[in-house]
C-alpha atoms as a PDB file:
ATOM      1  CA  MET A   1     174.891 -43.749 -10.541  1.00  0.00           C
ATOM      2  CA  ALA A   2     177.740 -42.989 -12.927  1.00  0.00           C
ATOM      3  CA  ALA A   3     176.339 -40.070 -14.909  1.00  0.00           C
ATOM      4  CA  PHE A   4     178.268 -36.977 -13.853  1.00  0.00           C
ATOM      5  CA  THR A   5     177.997 -35.677 -17.419  1.00  0.00           C
ATOM      6  CA  GLN A   6     174.425 -35.418 -18.648  1.00  0.00           C
ATOM      7  CA  LEU A   7     174.072 -36.089 -22.368  1.00  0.00           C
ATOM      8  CA  GLU A   8     171.274 -34.829 -24.547  1.00  0.00           C
ATOM      9  CA  ASP A   9     169.918 -36.844 -27.443  1.00  0.00           C
ATOM     10  CA  ARG A  10     171.829 -34.683 -29.894  1.00  0.00           C
ATOM     11  CA  ASP A  11     175.076 -35.377 -27.972  1.00  0.00           C
ATOM     12  CA  VAL A  12     174.592 -39.131 -28.181  1.00  0.00           C
ATOM     13  CA  ARG A  13     173.824 -38.981 -31.882  1.00  0.00           C
ATOM     14  CA  ALA A  14     176.850 -36.796 -32.548  1.00  0.00           C
ATOM     15  CA  LEU A  15     179.152 -39.160 -30.662  1.00  0.00           C
ATOM     16  CA  ALA A  16     177.621 -42.203 -32.358  1.00  0.00           C
ATOM     17  CA  ALA A  17     178.392 -40.581 -35.703  1.00  0.00           C
ATOM     18  CA  LYS A  18     182.002 -39.909 -34.689  1.00  0.00           C
ATOM     19  CA  PHE A  19     182.486 -43.569 -33.801  1.00  0.00           C
ATOM     20  CA  HIS A  20     180.521 -44.791 -36.859  1.00  0.00           C
ATOM     21  CA  LEU A  21     178.123 -46.748 -34.657  1.00  0.00           C
ATOM     22  CA  GLY A  22     175.163 -46.446 -37.010  1.00  0.00           C
ATOM     23  CA  ALA A  23     171.767 -44.781 -36.641  1.00  0.00           C
ATOM     24  CA  VAL A  24     170.790 -44.454 -32.974  1.00  0.00           C
ATOM     25  CA  ARG A  25     167.593 -46.262 -32.032  1.00  0.00           C
ATOM     26  CA  ASP A  26     167.725 -46.000 -28.242  1.00  0.00           C
ATOM     27  CA  TRP A  27     170.097 -45.021 -25.478  1.00  0.00           C
ATOM     28  CA  ALA A  28     170.170 -44.686 -21.700  1.00  0.00           C
ATOM     29  CA  PRO A  29     172.570 -43.892 -18.842  1.00  0.00           C
ATOM     30  CA  ILE A  30     174.024 -46.905 -17.040  1.00  0.00           C
ATOM     31  CA  ALA A  31     173.714 -46.920 -13.250  1.00  0.00           C
ATOM     32  CA  ALA A  32     177.141 -48.446 -12.630  1.00  0.00           C
ATOM     33  CA  GLY A  33     180.593 -47.209 -11.812  1.00  0.00           C
ATOM     34  CA  THR A  34     181.754 -44.397  -9.543  1.00  0.00           C
ATOM     35  CA  VAL A  35     184.187 -42.390 -11.678  1.00  0.00           C
ATOM     36  CA  ASN A  36     182.958 -41.977 -15.264  1.00  0.00           C
ATOM     37  CA  SER A  37     179.629 -41.362 -16.995  1.00  0.00           C
ATOM     38  CA  ASN A  38     178.494 -44.484 -18.813  1.00  0.00           C
ATOM     39  CA  PHE A  39     175.777 -45.021 -21.411  1.00  0.00           C
ATOM     40  CA  ARG A  40     174.186 -47.823 -23.410  1.00  0.00           C
ATOM     41  CA  ILE A  41     173.543 -47.059 -27.072  1.00  0.00           C
ATOM     42  CA  ASP A  42     171.452 -49.231 -29.398  1.00  0.00           C
ATOM     43  CA  THR A  43     171.940 -48.540 -33.096  1.00  0.00           C
ATOM     44  CA  ALA A  44     171.248 -50.140 -36.447  1.00  0.00           C
ATOM     45  CA  ARG A  45     174.622 -51.900 -36.056  1.00  0.00           C
ATOM     46  CA  GLY A  46     174.017 -53.291 -32.588  1.00  0.00           C
ATOM     47  CA  ARG A  47     174.588 -52.328 -28.960  1.00  0.00           C
ATOM     48  CA  PHE A  48     177.532 -50.266 -27.745  1.00  0.00           C
ATOM     49  CA  PHE A  49     178.995 -48.945 -24.494  1.00  0.00           C
ATOM     50  CA  LEU A  50     179.846 -45.227 -24.381  1.00  0.00           C
ATOM     51  CA  ARG A  51     181.972 -43.699 -21.638  1.00  0.00           C
ATOM     52  CA  ILE A  52     182.635 -40.054 -20.905  1.00  0.00           C
ATOM     53  CA  ASN A  53     186.046 -40.005 -19.223  1.00  0.00           C
ATOM     54  CA  GLU A  54     185.612 -37.654 -16.300  1.00  0.00           C
ATOM     55  CA  GLY A  55     188.514 -35.424 -15.312  1.00  0.00           C
ATOM     56  CA  LYS A  56     191.102 -37.081 -17.563  1.00  0.00           C
ATOM     57  CA  THR A  57     193.654 -35.509 -19.849  1.00  0.00           C
ATOM     58  CA  GLU A  58     193.887 -36.536 -23.465  1.00  0.00           C
ATOM     59  CA  ALA A  59     197.190 -38.267 -22.661  1.00  0.00           C
ATOM     60  CA  ASP A  60     195.488 -40.349 -19.955  1.00  0.00           C
ATOM     61  CA  VAL A  61     192.685 -41.390 -22.290  1.00  0.00           C
ATOM     62  CA  ARG A  62     195.098 -42.242 -25.087  1.00  0.00           C
ATOM     63  CA  TYR A  63     197.329 -44.283 -22.759  1.00  0.00           C
ATOM     64  CA  GLU A  64     194.438 -46.406 -21.521  1.00  0.00           C
ATOM     65  CA  ALA A  65     192.968 -46.877 -24.999  1.00  0.00           C
ATOM     66  CA  ASP A  66     196.279 -47.869 -26.566  1.00  0.00           C
ATOM     67  CA  LEU A  67     197.087 -50.242 -23.717  1.00  0.00           C
ATOM     68  CA  VAL A  68     193.682 -51.931 -23.813  1.00  0.00           C
ATOM     69  CA  ASP A  69     193.942 -52.286 -27.584  1.00  0.00           C
ATOM     70  CA  ALA A  70     197.379 -53.905 -27.292  1.00  0.00           C
ATOM     71  CA  LEU A  71     196.283 -56.254 -24.501  1.00  0.00           C
ATOM     72  CA  ALA A  72     193.175 -57.317 -26.411  1.00  0.00           C
ATOM     73  CA  ALA A  73     195.308 -58.002 -29.484  1.00  0.00           C
ATOM     74  CA  ALA A  74     197.490 -60.223 -27.287  1.00  0.00           C
ATOM     75  CA  GLY A  75     194.521 -62.311 -26.154  1.00  0.00           C
ATOM     76  CA  VAL A  76     193.408 -60.618 -22.932  1.00  0.00           C
ATOM     77  CA  PRO A  77     189.583 -60.827 -22.673  1.00  0.00           C
ATOM     78  CA  THR A  78     188.747 -57.145 -22.851  1.00  0.00           C
ATOM     79  CA  PRO A  79     186.799 -55.153 -25.472  1.00  0.00           C
ATOM     80  CA  ARG A  80     188.913 -53.090 -27.847  1.00  0.00           C
ATOM     81  CA  PRO A  81     188.209 -49.349 -28.016  1.00  0.00           C
ATOM     82  CA  LEU A  82     186.495 -48.206 -31.195  1.00  0.00           C
ATOM     83  CA  ARG A  83     188.095 -45.518 -33.309  1.00  0.00           C
ATOM     84  CA  ALA A  84     186.843 -42.064 -34.232  1.00  0.00           C
ATOM     85  CA  GLY A  85     188.727 -40.144 -36.896  1.00  0.00           C
ATOM     86  CA  GLY A  86     191.833 -42.256 -36.537  1.00  0.00           C
ATOM     87  CA  ARG A  87     191.935 -42.048 -32.721  1.00  0.00           C
ATOM     88  CA  PRO A  88     190.645 -44.562 -30.137  1.00  0.00           C
ATOM     89  CA  TYR A  89     188.513 -41.830 -28.515  1.00  0.00           C
ATOM     90  CA  ALA A  90     186.523 -38.741 -29.510  1.00  0.00           C
ATOM     91  CA  ARG A  91     186.393 -35.248 -28.114  1.00  0.00           C
ATOM     92  CA  HIS A  92     183.165 -34.139 -26.437  1.00  0.00           C
ATOM     93  CA  GLY A  93     183.471 -30.495 -25.478  1.00  0.00           C
ATOM     94  CA  ASN A  94     186.367 -30.331 -23.020  1.00  0.00           C
ATOM     95  CA  GLN A  95     186.171 -34.072 -22.329  1.00  0.00           C
ATOM     96  CA  PHE A  96     186.970 -37.269 -24.153  1.00  0.00           C
ATOM     97  CA  ALA A  97     184.620 -40.148 -24.944  1.00  0.00           C
ATOM     98  CA  SER A  98     185.431 -43.818 -25.435  1.00  0.00           C
ATOM     99  CA  ALA A  99     183.231 -46.395 -27.139  1.00  0.00           C
ATOM    100  CA  PHE A 100     183.268 -50.191 -27.134  1.00  0.00           C
ATOM    101  CA  ALA A 101     181.222 -53.017 -28.582  1.00  0.00           C
ATOM    102  CA  TRP A 102     178.772 -54.193 -25.937  1.00  0.00           C
ATOM    103  CA  VAL A 103     179.857 -57.259 -23.981  1.00  0.00           C
ATOM    104  CA  GLN A 104     176.965 -59.326 -22.682  1.00  0.00           C
ATOM    105  CA  GLY A 105     177.493 -60.238 -19.082  1.00  0.00           C
ATOM    106  CA  VAL A 106     176.836 -59.540 -15.416  1.00  0.00           C
ATOM    107  CA  HIS A 107     178.892 -58.811 -12.343  1.00  0.00           C
ATOM    108  CA  ARG A 108     179.265 -61.510  -9.705  1.00  0.00           C
ATOM    109  CA  CYS A 109     178.089 -60.748  -6.164  1.00  0.00           C
ATOM    110  CA  GLN A 110     180.460 -61.795  -3.401  1.00  0.00           C
ATOM    111  CA  ALA A 111     178.162 -64.553  -2.159  1.00  0.00           C
ATOM    112  CA  GLY A 112     178.035 -65.979  -5.675  1.00  0.00           C
ATOM    113  CA  VAL A 113     181.804 -66.292  -6.188  1.00  0.00           C
ATOM    114  CA  THR A 114     182.842 -69.953  -6.437  1.00  0.00           C
ATOM    115  CA  PRO A 115     186.344 -71.466  -6.446  1.00  0.00           C
ATOM    116  CA  GLU A 116     185.878 -72.024 -10.184  1.00  0.00           C
ATOM    117  CA  ASP A 117     185.177 -68.302 -10.625  1.00  0.00           C
ATOM    118  CA  ALA A 118     188.200 -67.408  -8.519  1.00  0.00           C
ATOM    119  CA  TYR A 119     190.387 -69.754 -10.582  1.00  0.00           C
ATOM    120  CA  ARG A 120     189.245 -68.044 -13.800  1.00  0.00           C
ATOM    121  CA  VAL A 121     189.949 -64.599 -12.335  1.00  0.00           C
ATOM    122  CA  GLY A 122     193.438 -65.637 -11.324  1.00  0.00           C
ATOM    123  CA  ALA A 123     194.083 -67.174 -14.744  1.00  0.00           C
ATOM    124  CA  ALA A 124     192.839 -64.046 -16.535  1.00  0.00           C
ATOM    125  CA  LEU A 125     195.129 -61.865 -14.426  1.00  0.00           C
ATOM    126  CA  GLY A 126     198.050 -64.175 -15.145  1.00  0.00           C
ATOM    127  CA  ARG A 127     197.333 -63.924 -18.880  1.00  0.00           C
ATOM    128  CA  LEU A 128     197.186 -60.149 -18.579  1.00  0.00           C
ATOM    129  CA  HIS A 129     200.594 -60.076 -16.912  1.00  0.00           C
ATOM    130  CA  ARG A 130     202.089 -62.375 -19.547  1.00  0.00           C
ATOM    131  CA  ALA A 131     200.596 -60.320 -22.365  1.00  0.00           C
ATOM    132  CA  GLY A 132     201.862 -57.133 -20.756  1.00  0.00           C
ATOM    133  CA  ALA A 133     205.463 -58.306 -20.424  1.00  0.00           C
ATOM    134  CA  PRO A 134     206.550 -57.235 -23.942  1.00  0.00           C
ATOM    135  CA  LEU A 135     204.492 -54.038 -23.596  1.00  0.00           C
ATOM    136  CA  ALA A 136     206.022 -52.819 -20.335  1.00  0.00           C
ATOM    137  CA  ALA A 137     208.598 -50.480 -21.894  1.00  0.00           C
ATOM    138  CA  ARG A 138     206.029 -48.911 -24.227  1.00  0.00           C
ATOM    139  CA  PHE A 139     203.491 -48.343 -21.448  1.00  0.00           C
ATOM    140  CA  ASP A 140     205.864 -47.482 -18.633  1.00  0.00           C
ATOM    141  CA  ARG A 141     204.274 -45.044 -16.212  1.00  0.00           C
ATOM    142  CA  PRO A 142     203.835 -44.899 -12.435  1.00  0.00           C
ATOM    143  CA  GLY A 143     200.435 -45.591 -10.977  1.00  0.00           C
ATOM    144  CA  ILE A 144     198.323 -42.959  -9.283  1.00  0.00           C
ATOM    145  CA  TYR A 145     198.297 -44.988  -6.053  1.00  0.00           C
ATOM    146  CA  THR A 146     202.000 -45.442  -5.387  1.00  0.00           C
ATOM    147  CA  TYR A 147     203.079 -46.346  -1.887  1.00  0.00           C
ATOM    148  CA  ALA A 148     204.426 -42.806  -1.373  1.00  0.00           C
ATOM    149  CA  HIS A 149     201.067 -41.398  -2.431  1.00  0.00           C
ATOM    150  CA  ILE A 150     199.190 -43.641  -0.002  1.00  0.00           C
ATOM    151  CA  CYS A 151     201.552 -42.591   2.810  1.00  0.00           C
ATOM    152  CA  ASP A 152     200.818 -38.949   1.960  1.00  0.00           C
ATOM    153  CA  ARG A 153     197.109 -39.677   2.227  1.00  0.00           C
ATOM    154  CA  VAL A 154     197.614 -41.243   5.649  1.00  0.00           C
ATOM    155  CA  ALA A 155     199.346 -38.026   6.747  1.00  0.00           C
ATOM    156  CA  ALA A 156     196.387 -36.046   5.376  1.00  0.00           C
ATOM    157  CA  ILE A 157     193.957 -38.218   7.337  1.00  0.00           C
ATOM    158  CA  ARG A 158     195.957 -37.561  10.492  1.00  0.00           C
ATOM    159  CA  ALA A 159     195.887 -33.811   9.804  1.00  0.00           C
ATOM    160  CA  VAL A 160     192.073 -33.833   9.684  1.00  0.00           C
ATOM    161  CA  GLY A 161     191.962 -35.111  13.252  1.00  0.00           C
ATOM    162  CA  ALA A 162     188.556 -36.789  12.940  1.00  0.00           C
ATOM    163  CA  PRO A 163     187.840 -38.488  16.297  1.00  0.00           C
ATOM    164  CA  GLU A 164     186.135 -41.493  14.702  1.00  0.00           C
ATOM    165  CA  LEU A 165     189.325 -42.219  12.725  1.00  0.00           C
ATOM    166  CA  ALA A 166     191.718 -42.323  15.682  1.00  0.00           C
ATOM    167  CA  ASP A 167     191.934 -46.135  15.771  1.00  0.00           C
ATOM    168  CA  ALA A 168     192.277 -46.301  11.996  1.00  0.00           C
ATOM    169  CA  GLU A 169     195.073 -43.719  12.045  1.00  0.00           C
ATOM    170  CA  ALA A 170     197.019 -45.736  14.622  1.00  0.00           C
ATOM    171  CA  MET A 171     196.570 -48.957  12.666  1.00  0.00           C
ATOM    172  CA  LEU A 172     197.658 -47.336   9.399  1.00  0.00           C
ATOM    173  CA  ALA A 173     200.722 -45.746  11.017  1.00  0.00           C
ATOM    174  CA  ASP A 174     201.774 -49.146  12.369  1.00  0.00           C
ATOM    175  CA  GLU A 175     201.272 -50.678   8.948  1.00  0.00           C
ATOM    176  CA  ILE A 176     203.440 -48.089   7.219  1.00  0.00           C
ATOM    177  CA  ALA A 177     206.247 -48.801   9.679  1.00  0.00           C
ATOM    178  CA  TRP A 178     205.869 -52.556   9.053  1.00  0.00           C
ATOM    179  CA  LEU A 179     205.905 -52.106   5.268  1.00  0.00           C
ATOM    180  CA  ASP A 180     208.892 -49.761   5.404  1.00  0.00           C
ATOM    181  CA  ASP A 181     210.886 -52.537   7.074  1.00  0.00           C
ATOM    182  CA  ARG A 182     210.073 -54.833   4.118  1.00  0.00           C
ATOM    183  CA  ALA A 183     210.794 -52.435   1.280  1.00  0.00           C
ATOM    184  CA  ASP A 184     213.510 -54.715  -0.091  1.00  0.00           C
ATOM    185  CA  VAL A 185     211.086 -57.647  -0.341  1.00  0.00           C
ATOM    186  CA  ARG A 186     208.600 -55.525  -2.248  1.00  0.00           C
ATOM    187  CA  ALA A 187     211.271 -54.094  -4.547  1.00  0.00           C
ATOM    188  CA  ALA A 188     212.460 -57.579  -5.520  1.00  0.00           C
ATOM    189  CA  ALA A 189     209.068 -58.677  -6.846  1.00  0.00           C
ATOM    190  CA  PRO A 190     208.637 -58.891 -10.652  1.00  0.00           C
ATOM    191  CA  ARG A 191     207.293 -55.766 -12.355  1.00  0.00           C
ATOM    192  CA  GLY A 192     205.292 -55.164 -15.512  1.00  0.00           C
ATOM    193  CA  VAL A 193     201.934 -53.932 -16.751  1.00  0.00           C
ATOM    194  CA  ILE A 194     199.277 -54.272 -14.040  1.00  0.00           C
ATOM    195  CA  HIS A 195     195.523 -53.682 -13.922  1.00  0.00           C
ATOM    196  CA  GLY A 196     195.623 -52.197 -10.435  1.00  0.00           C
ATOM    197  CA  ASP A 197     191.913 -52.517  -9.643  1.00  0.00           C
ATOM    198  CA  LEU A 198     190.641 -56.015 -10.479  1.00  0.00           C
ATOM    199  CA  PHE A 199     187.517 -55.902  -8.337  1.00  0.00           C
ATOM    200  CA  ARG A 200     184.275 -57.775  -8.950  1.00  0.00           C
ATOM    201  CA  ASP A 201     182.710 -54.783 -10.708  1.00  0.00           C
ATOM    202  CA  ASN A 202     185.542 -54.832 -13.235  1.00  0.00           C
ATOM    203  CA  VAL A 203     184.811 -58.361 -14.447  1.00  0.00           C
ATOM    204  CA  LEU A 204     181.849 -59.461 -16.576  1.00  0.00           C
ATOM    205  CA  TRP A 205     180.511 -63.025 -16.537  1.00  0.00           C
ATOM    206  CA  ASP A 206     178.482 -64.856 -19.152  1.00  0.00           C
ATOM    207  CA  GLY A 207     177.099 -67.740 -17.149  1.00  0.00           C
ATOM    208  CA  ARG A 208     180.120 -69.459 -15.608  1.00  0.00           C
ATOM    209  CA  ASP A 209     182.492 -68.062 -18.246  1.00  0.00           C
ATOM    210  CA  LEU A 210     184.585 -64.970 -17.664  1.00  0.00           C
ATOM    211  CA  ALA A 211     183.480 -62.668 -20.484  1.00  0.00           C
ATOM    212  CA  ALA A 212     185.662 -59.582 -20.020  1.00  0.00           C
ATOM    213  CA  LEU A 213     188.049 -57.618 -17.840  1.00  0.00           C
ATOM    214  CA  LEU A 214     187.071 -53.949 -17.678  1.00  0.00           C
ATOM    215  CA  ASP A 215     188.235 -50.497 -16.577  1.00  0.00           C
ATOM    216  CA  PHE A 216     191.979 -50.134 -17.039  1.00  0.00           C
ATOM    217  CA  GLU A 217     192.015 -46.581 -15.668  1.00  0.00           C
ATOM    218  CA  GLN A 218     194.491 -47.493 -12.944  1.00  0.00           C
ATOM    219  CA  ALA A 219     196.670 -49.614 -15.223  1.00  0.00           C
ATOM    220  CA  CYS A 220     200.359 -48.795 -15.040  1.00  0.00           C
ATOM    221  CA  THR A 221     203.695 -50.481 -14.552  1.00  0.00           C
ATOM    222  CA  GLY A 222     204.066 -51.915 -11.091  1.00  0.00           C
ATOM    223  CA  SER A 223     204.508 -55.006  -8.975  1.00  0.00           C
ATOM    224  CA  LEU A 224     202.822 -58.055 -10.492  1.00  0.00           C
ATOM    225  CA  THR A 225     202.639 -59.571  -7.018  1.00  0.00           C
ATOM    226  CA  TYR A 226     200.818 -56.513  -5.726  1.00  0.00           C
ATOM    227  CA  ASP A 227     198.282 -56.810  -8.559  1.00  0.00           C
ATOM    228  CA  LEU A 228     197.645 -60.426  -7.548  1.00  0.00           C
ATOM    229  CA  ALA A 229     197.268 -59.298  -3.933  1.00  0.00           C
ATOM    230  CA  VAL A 230     194.636 -56.723  -4.953  1.00  0.00           C
ATOM    231  CA  ALA A 231     192.621 -59.496  -6.627  1.00  0.00           C
ATOM    232  CA  ILE A 232     192.897 -61.747  -3.560  1.00  0.00           C
ATOM    233  CA  ASN A 233     191.642 -58.956  -1.300  1.00  0.00           C
ATOM    234  CA  ALA A 234     188.805 -58.146  -3.689  1.00  0.00           C
ATOM    235  CA  TRP A 235     187.567 -61.652  -4.526  1.00  0.00           C
ATOM    236  CA  CYS A 236     188.290 -63.830  -1.507  1.00  0.00           C
ATOM    237  CA  TYR A 237     186.697 -62.029   1.431  1.00  0.00           C
ATOM    238  CA  GLY A 238     183.181 -62.364   2.805  1.00  0.00           C
ATOM    239  CA  ASP A 239     182.977 -62.289   6.592  1.00  0.00           C
ATOM    240  CA  THR A 240     186.577 -63.491   6.535  1.00  0.00           C
ATOM    241  CA  PHE A 241     189.033 -64.767   3.951  1.00  0.00           C
ATOM    242  CA  SER A 242     188.045 -67.981   2.206  1.00  0.00           C
ATOM    243  CA  PRO A 243     190.965 -70.431   1.920  1.00  0.00           C
ATOM    244  CA  ALA A 244     189.245 -72.138  -1.033  1.00  0.00           C
ATOM    245  CA  LEU A 245     188.943 -68.868  -2.946  1.00  0.00           C
ATOM    246  CA  ILE A 246     192.492 -67.738  -2.151  1.00  0.00           C
ATOM    247  CA  ALA A 247     193.907 -71.081  -3.277  1.00  0.00           C
ATOM    248  CA  ALA A 248     191.844 -70.957  -6.469  1.00  0.00           C
ATOM    249  CA  VAL A 249     192.931 -67.419  -7.436  1.00  0.00           C
ATOM    250  CA  VAL A 250     196.584 -68.299  -6.846  1.00  0.00           C
ATOM    251  CA  ALA A 251     196.349 -71.623  -8.697  1.00  0.00           C
ATOM    252  CA  GLY A 252     194.682 -70.015 -11.708  1.00  0.00           C
ATOM    253  CA  TYR A 253     197.287 -67.275 -11.773  1.00  0.00           C
ATOM    254  CA  HIS A 254     200.171 -69.739 -11.399  1.00  0.00           C
ATOM    255  CA  ARG A 255     198.887 -71.735 -14.378  1.00  0.00           C
ATOM    256  CA  GLU A 256     199.291 -68.733 -16.647  1.00  0.00           C
ATOM    257  CA  ARG A 257     202.300 -67.065 -15.046  1.00  0.00           C
ATOM    258  CA  PRO A 258     204.219 -69.325 -12.648  1.00  0.00           C
ATOM    259  CA  LEU A 259     205.028 -67.597  -9.391  1.00  0.00           C
ATOM    260  CA  THR A 260     208.703 -66.875  -8.835  1.00  0.00           C
ATOM    261  CA  ALA A 261     210.544 -67.120  -5.530  1.00  0.00           C
ATOM    262  CA  ALA A 262     210.346 -63.321  -5.291  1.00  0.00           C
ATOM    263  CA  ASP A 263     206.554 -63.485  -5.818  1.00  0.00           C
ATOM    264  CA  ARG A 264     206.214 -65.995  -3.019  1.00  0.00           C
ATOM    265  CA  ASP A 265     208.346 -63.880  -0.688  1.00  0.00           C
ATOM    266  CA  ALA A 266     206.351 -60.732  -1.423  1.00  0.00           C
ATOM    267  CA  LEU A 267     202.783 -62.031  -1.626  1.00  0.00           C
ATOM    268  CA  TYR A 268     201.951 -61.745   2.080  1.00  0.00           C
ATOM    269  CA  VAL A 269     203.506 -58.283   2.297  1.00  0.00           C
ATOM    270  CA  GLU A 270     201.581 -57.130  -0.770  1.00  0.00           C
ATOM    271  CA  CYS A 271     198.301 -58.535   0.569  1.00  0.00           C
ATOM    272  CA  ARG A 272     198.698 -56.265   3.564  1.00  0.00           C
ATOM    273  CA  ALA A 273     199.782 -53.322   1.394  1.00  0.00           C
ATOM    274  CA  ALA A 274     196.726 -53.741  -0.837  1.00  0.00           C
ATOM    275  CA  ALA A 275     194.358 -53.921   2.145  1.00  0.00           C
ATOM    276  CA  MET A 276     195.910 -50.753   3.549  1.00  0.00           C
ATOM    277  CA  ARG A 277     195.625 -48.934   0.227  1.00  0.00           C
ATOM    278  CA  PHE A 278     191.897 -49.513  -0.130  1.00  0.00           C
ATOM    279  CA  ALA A 279     191.217 -48.662   3.500  1.00  0.00           C
ATOM    280  CA  VAL A 280     193.020 -45.361   2.958  1.00  0.00           C
ATOM    281  CA  THR A 281     191.318 -44.449  -0.321  1.00  0.00           C
ATOM    282  CA  ARG A 282     187.897 -45.242   1.115  1.00  0.00           C
ATOM    283  CA  ILE A 283     188.617 -42.903   4.017  1.00  0.00           C
ATOM    284  CA  THR A 284     189.882 -40.042   1.839  1.00  0.00           C
ATOM    285  CA  ASP A 285     187.589 -40.440  -1.183  1.00  0.00           C
ATOM    286  CA  ILE A 286     184.378 -41.503   0.534  1.00  0.00           C
ATOM    287  CA  HIS A 287     184.239 -41.154   4.315  1.00  0.00           C
ATOM    288  CA  LEU A 288     185.810 -37.688   4.551  1.00  0.00           C
ATOM    289  CA  ARG A 289     183.698 -36.436   1.666  1.00  0.00           C
ATOM    290  CA  ASP A 290     180.528 -37.622   3.420  1.00  0.00           C
ATOM    291  CA  THR A 291     179.160 -39.265   0.287  1.00  0.00           C
ATOM    292  CA  THR A 292     176.315 -41.754   0.245  1.00  0.00           C
ATOM    293  CA  ALA A 293     178.448 -44.457  -1.371  1.00  0.00           C
ATOM    294  CA  THR A 294     178.429 -47.851   0.295  1.00  0.00           C
ATOM    295  CA  LYS A 295     182.176 -48.579   0.201  1.00  0.00           C
ATOM    296  CA  ASP A 296     183.059 -48.637   3.889  1.00  0.00           C
ATOM    297  CA  PHE A 297     186.742 -48.274   4.791  1.00  0.00           C
ATOM    298  CA  ARG A 298     186.190 -50.523   7.807  1.00  0.00           C
ATOM    299  CA  ARG A 299     185.818 -53.512   5.507  1.00  0.00           C
ATOM    300  CA  TYR A 300     189.427 -53.091   4.430  1.00  0.00           C
ATOM    301  CA  LEU A 301     190.662 -52.481   7.947  1.00  0.00           C
ATOM    302  CA  GLU A 302     189.009 -55.835   8.741  1.00  0.00           C
ATOM    303  CA  ARG A 303     190.969 -57.431   5.922  1.00  0.00           C
ATOM    304  CA  LEU A 304     194.186 -55.879   7.202  1.00  0.00           C
ATOM    305  CA  ALA A 305     193.515 -57.185  10.700  1.00  0.00           C
ATOM    306  CA  ARG A 306     192.848 -60.660   9.264  1.00  0.00           C
ATOM    307  CA  TRP A 307     196.148 -60.627   7.377  1.00  0.00           C
ATOM    308  CA  ARG A 308     197.968 -59.628  10.546  1.00  0.00           C
ATOM    309  CA  SER A 309     196.438 -62.472  12.507  1.00  0.00           C
ATOM    310  CA  LEU A 310     196.899 -64.983   9.683  1.00  0.00           C
ATOM    311  CA  GLY A 311     200.596 -64.277   9.150  1.00  0.00           C
ATOM    312  CA  ARG A 312     202.812 -65.237   6.250  1.00  0.00           C
ATOM    313  CA  SER A 313     202.695 -68.946   6.994  1.00  0.00           C
ATOM    314  CA  GLY A 314     198.911 -68.807   7.253  1.00  0.00           C
ATOM    315  CA  LEU A 315     198.635 -67.231   3.816  1.00  0.00           C
ATOM    316  CA  ALA A 316     201.019 -69.828   2.405  1.00  0.00           C
ATOM    317  CA  ARG A 317     198.779 -72.611   3.746  1.00  0.00           C
ATOM    318  CA  GLN A 318     195.569 -71.008   2.508  1.00  0.00           C
ATOM    319  CA  ALA A 319     197.026 -70.209  -0.923  1.00  0.00           C
ATOM    320  CA  GLY A 320     198.473 -73.697  -1.286  1.00  0.00           C
ATOM    321  CA  LEU A 321     201.878 -72.261  -2.154  1.00  0.00           C
ATOM    322  CA  ASP A 322     203.598 -75.450  -1.031  1.00  0.00           C
ATOM    323  CA  LEU A 323     201.543 -77.400  -3.590  1.00  0.00           C
ATOM    324  CA  LEU A 324     202.428 -75.239  -6.612  1.00  0.00           C
END
């Protein structure tokens, strides 16, 4: 449950006043998310979402708020941050709070994802990348999960020497060598503002309609192809990759931002890079910390193994790249 910061009733009322939300009638923590503390607030003006940004600097909070505001203004389906005293966030002790109008919707379970859903996800990501193109210079910053950072984490995993990770370590070392040999392909891919984490829990659905994209904490400037690859890994895998879902994500994306030759060259490489990244972060952030979270790194090693067996031509067939 995402409630690392415990709020008292007086805290909620004070924050509601800072954001001009109206008189508080009810509020409760939200059992969702793994990073921040989230709360529902019902007031005389309606329902709102309150987030305590855990472990972030004011610069980080401002960057995300300003970016989300600019993307929403450009037509990306995401709620705009509310303002408090002229800023899109409010101070709460040594932390910073963000508030948004409540968006009605639910998350889609993997078994419930249809090709139509996947198409809408791809289209929304394509719109985000188009909207972010003129914003890239203003919001230029490296991501927190750069390739160099992931390689450093792999070295840290190796230094731990956990016996149960021996096979994973060998697989990850091989993958780094493979990716290093294709650095030029990755570098040639188009760059711009990316979401970086477009998983199912970062999308809200209202019936069959995509209601909102959420959680831009990992947004940065980076490879647009890599961002598409993250979405494919996140949305298109059950017991194995679904060709119908992969093709739908890519088709929806291509409708909004046509894939370039460099995108097509890099997509398979980035699908493997994305699978490796999430295997690594689940080892370092979850497995080695012995938490009770359910995100198993083996699921992403499975994805990586599937990409290896599928090959570039296999991805091209499944994604329907020859039909675009």
